[in-house]
Amino acid sequence: MTKTEIKNEIQKVLDNVPENVLQDILVLLKDLQGHPNKLLEVSNSLRKILNEDKELLEKLAK
């Protein structure tokens, strides 16, 4: 997947996320700018959370 394709997919998901969650995502992304090691650690943790708690996260998004 190209960078543009990834951004497009992220945008599709963000269009369906509640505003308060968007704020949290924005804060997280800004915090990670310029910290590639921290980004990798958070990315791995986020991936693990999403995989383990997909059903719960879907319920929270509603």
Protein backbone atom coordinates (compact mmCIF):
# COMPACT_ATOMS: atom_id res chain seq x y z
CA MET A 1 0.00 0.00 0.00
CA THR A 2 1.37 3.41 -0.92
CA LYS A 3 1.55 6.39 1.42
CA THR A 4 -1.33 8.04 -0.46
CA GLU A 5 -3.47 4.92 -0.22
CA ILE A 6 -2.78 4.65 3.50
CA LYS A 7 -3.72 8.31 4.04
CA ASN A 8 -6.95 7.78 2.09
CA GLU A 9 -7.85 4.75 4.20
CA ILE A 10 -7.06 6.65 7.40
CA GLN A 11 -9.30 9.50 6.22
CA LYS A 12 -12.18 7.09 5.59
CA VAL A 13 -11.86 5.73 9.12
CA LEU A 14 -11.51 9.19 10.66
CA ASP A 15 -14.72 10.31 8.95
CA ASN A 16 -16.60 7.84 11.16
CA VAL A 17 -14.86 8.50 14.48
CA PRO A 18 -16.50 10.63 17.21
CA GLU A 19 -15.09 14.12 17.67
CA ASN A 20 -13.67 13.47 21.14
CA VAL A 21 -11.70 10.50 19.78
CA LEU A 22 -10.41 12.67 16.94
CA GLN A 23 -9.03 15.10 19.52
CA ASP A 24 -7.18 12.25 21.25
CA ILE A 25 -5.78 11.01 17.95
CA LEU A 26 -4.60 14.50 17.03
CA VAL A 27 -2.85 14.94 20.38
CA LEU A 28 -1.19 11.54 20.01
CA LEU A 29 0.04 12.27 16.48
CA LYS A 30 1.41 15.68 17.45
CA ASP A 31 3.16 14.13 20.43
CA LEU A 32 4.78 11.52 18.20
CA GLN A 33 6.13 13.98 15.64
CA GLY A 34 9.89 14.02 15.77
CA HIS A 35 10.08 10.95 18.02
CA PRO A 36 10.51 7.97 15.65
CA ASN A 37 11.41 5.49 18.42
CA LYS A 38 8.41 6.53 20.45
CA LEU A 39 6.26 6.27 17.33
CA LEU A 40 7.36 2.70 16.75
CA GLU A 41 6.63 1.74 20.36
CA VAL A 42 3.20 3.39 20.32
CA SER A 43 2.41 1.93 16.92
CA ASN A 44 3.15 -1.59 18.14
CA SER A 45 1.10 -1.04 21.29
CA LEU A 46 -1.80 0.42 19.33
CA ARG A 47 -1.75 -2.48 16.89
CA LYS A 48 -1.86 -4.93 19.80
CA ILE A 49 -4.77 -3.08 21.45
CA LEU A 50 -6.72 -2.91 18.21
CA ASN A 51 -6.24 -6.60 17.53
CA GLU A 52 -7.13 -7.70 21.05
CA ASP A 53 -10.05 -5.35 21.68
CA LYS A 54 -11.62 -4.85 18.26
CA GLU A 55 -15.14 -5.70 19.42
CA LEU A 56 -14.95 -3.40 22.44
CA LEU A 57 -13.57 -0.53 20.37
CA GLU A 58 -16.38 -0.93 17.84
CA LYS A 59 -18.94 -0.67 20.65
CA LEU A 60 -17.22 2.44 22.05
CA ALA A 61 -17.23 4.09 18.63
CA LYS A 62 -21.04 3.83 18.48
